[in-house]
Amino acid sequence: MDVQCSSLEDVRQRIDEIDRAMVELIARRGGFVAQAARFKKDSADVRAPARVEQVIAKVRALASERGASAEVVEQVYRAMIAAFIDEELRTHAALGAEGGAV
C-alpha cells in the first residue's frame, strides 16, 4: 500500500475510486465474455470447468505476487466467473435461437 490515509473519509474516498476502476474493468471483461459466446458450440463450452480452474490458479498467483490475499481473490473471482457464466449462457442461448451460434 503506497498511500497513507489520514481519516476514515479519506479511506472511503480511496475505496470509491478503486470501485469505479473495478466496475470499469468488469464491464470491459463482460464485453469479451459476450463475444466469447459466439465461439462456443454448447453450454459445456461455456461452463469450461478446466478453464475456470486455470483462471483461478492464475489470479491466485497474481494475488501472491501483489501481496493480496489469495483466498479473497479466489472467492471474488469464483463469484464473478459464476455470474459471467450465467450471463454467457443466456447470450449463447439467444445466439442459438437466432441461428448465430458458431
C-alpha atoms as a PDB file:
ATOM      1  CA  MET A   1       0.000   0.000   0.000  1.00  0.00           C
ATOM      2  CA  ASP A   2       1.547   3.267  -1.088  1.00  0.00           C
ATOM      3  CA  VAL A   3      -0.973   5.831   0.217  1.00  0.00           C
ATOM      4  CA  GLN A   4      -1.348   6.568   3.906  1.00  0.00           C
ATOM      5  CA  CYS A   5      -4.813   7.913   4.686  1.00  0.00           C
ATOM      6  CA  SER A   6      -5.363  10.467   7.420  1.00  0.00           C
ATOM      7  CA  SER A   7      -9.066   9.856   8.078  1.00  0.00           C
ATOM      8  CA  LEU A   8     -11.899   7.397   7.556  1.00  0.00           C
ATOM      9  CA  GLU A   9     -13.325   9.763   4.937  1.00  0.00           C
ATOM     10  CA  ASP A  10     -10.016   9.631   3.068  1.00  0.00           C
ATOM     11  CA  VAL A  11     -10.070   5.806   3.204  1.00  0.00           C
ATOM     12  CA  ARG A  12     -13.631   5.763   1.868  1.00  0.00           C
ATOM     13  CA  GLN A  13     -12.767   8.175  -0.928  1.00  0.00           C
ATOM     14  CA  ARG A  14      -9.841   5.965  -1.991  1.00  0.00           C
ATOM     15  CA  ILE A  15     -12.079   2.863  -1.907  1.00  0.00           C
ATOM     16  CA  ASP A  16     -14.694   4.674  -4.022  1.00  0.00           C
ATOM     17  CA  GLU A  17     -12.005   5.471  -6.620  1.00  0.00           C
ATOM     18  CA  ILE A  18     -10.957   1.814  -6.721  1.00  0.00           C
ATOM     19  CA  ASP A  19     -14.591   0.698  -7.003  1.00  0.00           C
ATOM     20  CA  ARG A  20     -15.091   2.939 -10.052  1.00  0.00           C
ATOM     21  CA  ALA A  21     -11.994   1.476 -11.699  1.00  0.00           C
ATOM     22  CA  MET A  22     -13.045  -2.095 -10.850  1.00  0.00           C
ATOM     23  CA  VAL A  23     -16.535  -1.632 -12.280  1.00  0.00           C
ATOM     24  CA  GLU A  24     -15.000  -0.282 -15.495  1.00  0.00           C
ATOM     25  CA  LEU A  25     -12.744  -3.336 -15.733  1.00  0.00           C
ATOM     26  CA  ILE A  26     -15.638  -5.698 -15.006  1.00  0.00           C
ATOM     27  CA  ALA A  27     -17.629  -4.026 -17.779  1.00  0.00           C
ATOM     28  CA  ARG A  28     -14.721  -4.493 -20.184  1.00  0.00           C
ATOM     29  CA  ARG A  29     -14.334  -8.136 -19.154  1.00  0.00           C
ATOM     30  CA  GLY A  30     -18.067  -8.628 -19.664  1.00  0.00           C
ATOM     31  CA  GLY A  31     -17.813  -7.353 -23.216  1.00  0.00           C
ATOM     32  CA  PHE A  32     -15.250 -10.015 -24.017  1.00  0.00           C
ATOM     33  CA  VAL A  33     -17.330 -12.688 -22.279  1.00  0.00           C
ATOM     34  CA  ALA A  34     -20.270 -11.758 -24.516  1.00  0.00           C
ATOM     35  CA  GLN A  35     -18.037 -12.082 -27.573  1.00  0.00           C
ATOM     36  CA  ALA A  36     -16.762 -15.466 -26.401  1.00  0.00           C
ATOM     37  CA  ALA A  37     -20.302 -16.864 -26.502  1.00  0.00           C
ATOM     38  CA  ARG A  38     -20.215 -16.638 -30.307  1.00  0.00           C
ATOM     39  CA  PHE A  39     -17.292 -19.056 -30.494  1.00  0.00           C
ATOM     40  CA  LYS A  40     -18.622 -21.783 -28.223  1.00  0.00           C
ATOM     41  CA  LYS A  41     -20.554 -24.787 -29.500  1.00  0.00           C
ATOM     42  CA  ASP A  42     -22.653 -25.607 -26.447  1.00  0.00           C
ATOM     43  CA  SER A  43     -23.259 -24.907 -22.756  1.00  0.00           C
ATOM     44  CA  ALA A  44     -20.422 -27.246 -21.753  1.00  0.00           C
ATOM     45  CA  ASP A  45     -18.048 -24.994 -23.678  1.00  0.00           C
ATOM     46  CA  VAL A  46     -19.493 -22.009 -21.822  1.00  0.00           C
ATOM     47  CA  ARG A  47     -19.054 -23.612 -18.394  1.00  0.00           C
ATOM     48  CA  ALA A  48     -15.494 -24.819 -19.199  1.00  0.00           C
ATOM     49  CA  PRO A  49     -14.511 -26.001 -15.702  1.00  0.00           C
ATOM     50  CA  ALA A  50     -10.890 -26.613 -16.710  1.00  0.00           C
ATOM     51  CA  ARG A  51     -10.629 -23.001 -17.924  1.00  0.00           C
ATOM     52  CA  VAL A  52     -12.196 -21.746 -14.688  1.00  0.00           C
ATOM     53  CA  GLU A  53      -9.535 -23.580 -12.665  1.00  0.00           C
ATOM     54  CA  GLN A  54      -6.816 -22.218 -14.956  1.00  0.00           C
ATOM     55  CA  VAL A  55      -8.042 -18.657 -14.314  1.00  0.00           C
ATOM     56  CA  ILE A  56      -8.262 -19.289 -10.559  1.00  0.00           C
ATOM     57  CA  ALA A  57      -4.685 -20.596 -10.451  1.00  0.00           C
ATOM     58  CA  LYS A  58      -3.507 -17.557 -12.427  1.00  0.00           C
ATOM     59  CA  VAL A  59      -5.227 -14.984 -10.208  1.00  0.00           C
ATOM     60  CA  ARG A  60      -4.115 -16.722  -7.011  1.00  0.00           C
ATOM     61  CA  ALA A  61      -0.523 -16.423  -8.249  1.00  0.00           C
ATOM     62  CA  LEU A  62      -1.074 -12.775  -9.170  1.00  0.00           C
ATOM     63  CA  ALA A  63      -2.546 -12.131  -5.722  1.00  0.00           C
ATOM     64  CA  SER A  64       0.521 -13.622  -4.054  1.00  0.00           C
ATOM     65  CA  GLU A  65       2.827 -11.528  -6.230  1.00  0.00           C
ATOM     66  CA  ARG A  66       0.922  -8.349  -5.307  1.00  0.00           C
ATOM     67  CA  GLY A  67       0.613  -9.064  -1.589  1.00  0.00           C
ATOM     68  CA  ALA A  68      -3.145  -9.681  -1.721  1.00  0.00           C
ATOM     69  CA  SER A  69      -4.970 -12.496  -0.003  1.00  0.00           C
ATOM     70  CA  ALA A  70      -5.102 -15.389  -2.479  1.00  0.00           C
ATOM     71  CA  GLU A  71      -8.190 -16.700  -0.657  1.00  0.00           C
ATOM     72  CA  VAL A  72     -10.078 -13.418  -1.037  1.00  0.00           C
ATOM     73  CA  VAL A  73      -9.072 -13.086  -4.677  1.00  0.00           C
ATOM     74  CA  GLU A  74     -10.181 -16.657  -5.367  1.00  0.00           C
ATOM     75  CA  GLN A  75     -13.561 -16.101  -3.717  1.00  0.00           C
ATOM     76  CA  VAL A  76     -14.121 -12.867  -5.650  1.00  0.00           C
ATOM     77  CA  TYR A  77     -13.144 -14.489  -8.932  1.00  0.00           C
ATOM     78  CA  ARG A  78     -15.273 -17.580  -8.369  1.00  0.00           C
ATOM     79  CA  ALA A  79     -18.308 -15.356  -7.719  1.00  0.00           C
ATOM     80  CA  MET A  80     -17.532 -13.154 -10.718  1.00  0.00           C
ATOM     81  CA  ILE A  81     -16.921 -16.115 -13.031  1.00  0.00           C
ATOM     82  CA  ALA A  82     -20.166 -17.785 -11.915  1.00  0.00           C
ATOM     83  CA  ALA A  83     -22.097 -14.599 -12.692  1.00  0.00           C
ATOM     84  CA  PHE A  84     -20.407 -14.248 -16.085  1.00  0.00           C
ATOM     85  CA  ILE A  85     -21.109 -17.905 -16.914  1.00  0.00           C
ATOM     86  CA  ASP A  86     -24.804 -17.329 -16.179  1.00  0.00           C
ATOM     87  CA  GLU A  87     -24.776 -14.258 -18.421  1.00  0.00           C
ATOM     88  CA  GLU A  88     -22.834 -16.026 -21.151  1.00  0.00           C
ATOM     89  CA  LEU A  89     -25.253 -18.981 -21.066  1.00  0.00           C
ATOM     90  CA  ARG A  90     -28.125 -16.549 -21.697  1.00  0.00           C
ATOM     91  CA  THR A  91     -26.192 -14.887 -24.517  1.00  0.00           C
ATOM     92  CA  HIS A  92     -25.230 -18.245 -26.027  1.00  0.00           C
ATOM     93  CA  ALA A  93     -28.859 -19.430 -25.890  1.00  0.00           C
ATOM     94  CA  ALA A  94     -30.034 -16.224 -27.573  1.00  0.00           C
ATOM     95  CA  LEU A  95     -27.448 -16.625 -30.315  1.00  0.00           C
ATOM     96  CA  GLY A  96     -28.592 -20.202 -30.853  1.00  0.00           C
ATOM     97  CA  ALA A  97     -32.194 -19.073 -31.098  1.00  0.00           C
ATOM     98  CA  GLU A  98     -31.141 -16.544 -33.725  1.00  0.00           C
ATOM     99  CA  GLY A  99     -29.115 -19.138 -35.602  1.00  0.00           C
ATOM    100  CA  GLY A 100     -25.943 -17.188 -34.900  1.00  0.00           C
ATOM    101  CA  ALA A 101     -24.034 -19.576 -32.654  1.00  0.00           C
ATOM    102  CA  VAL A 102     -20.782 -20.836 -34.108  1.00  0.00           C
END
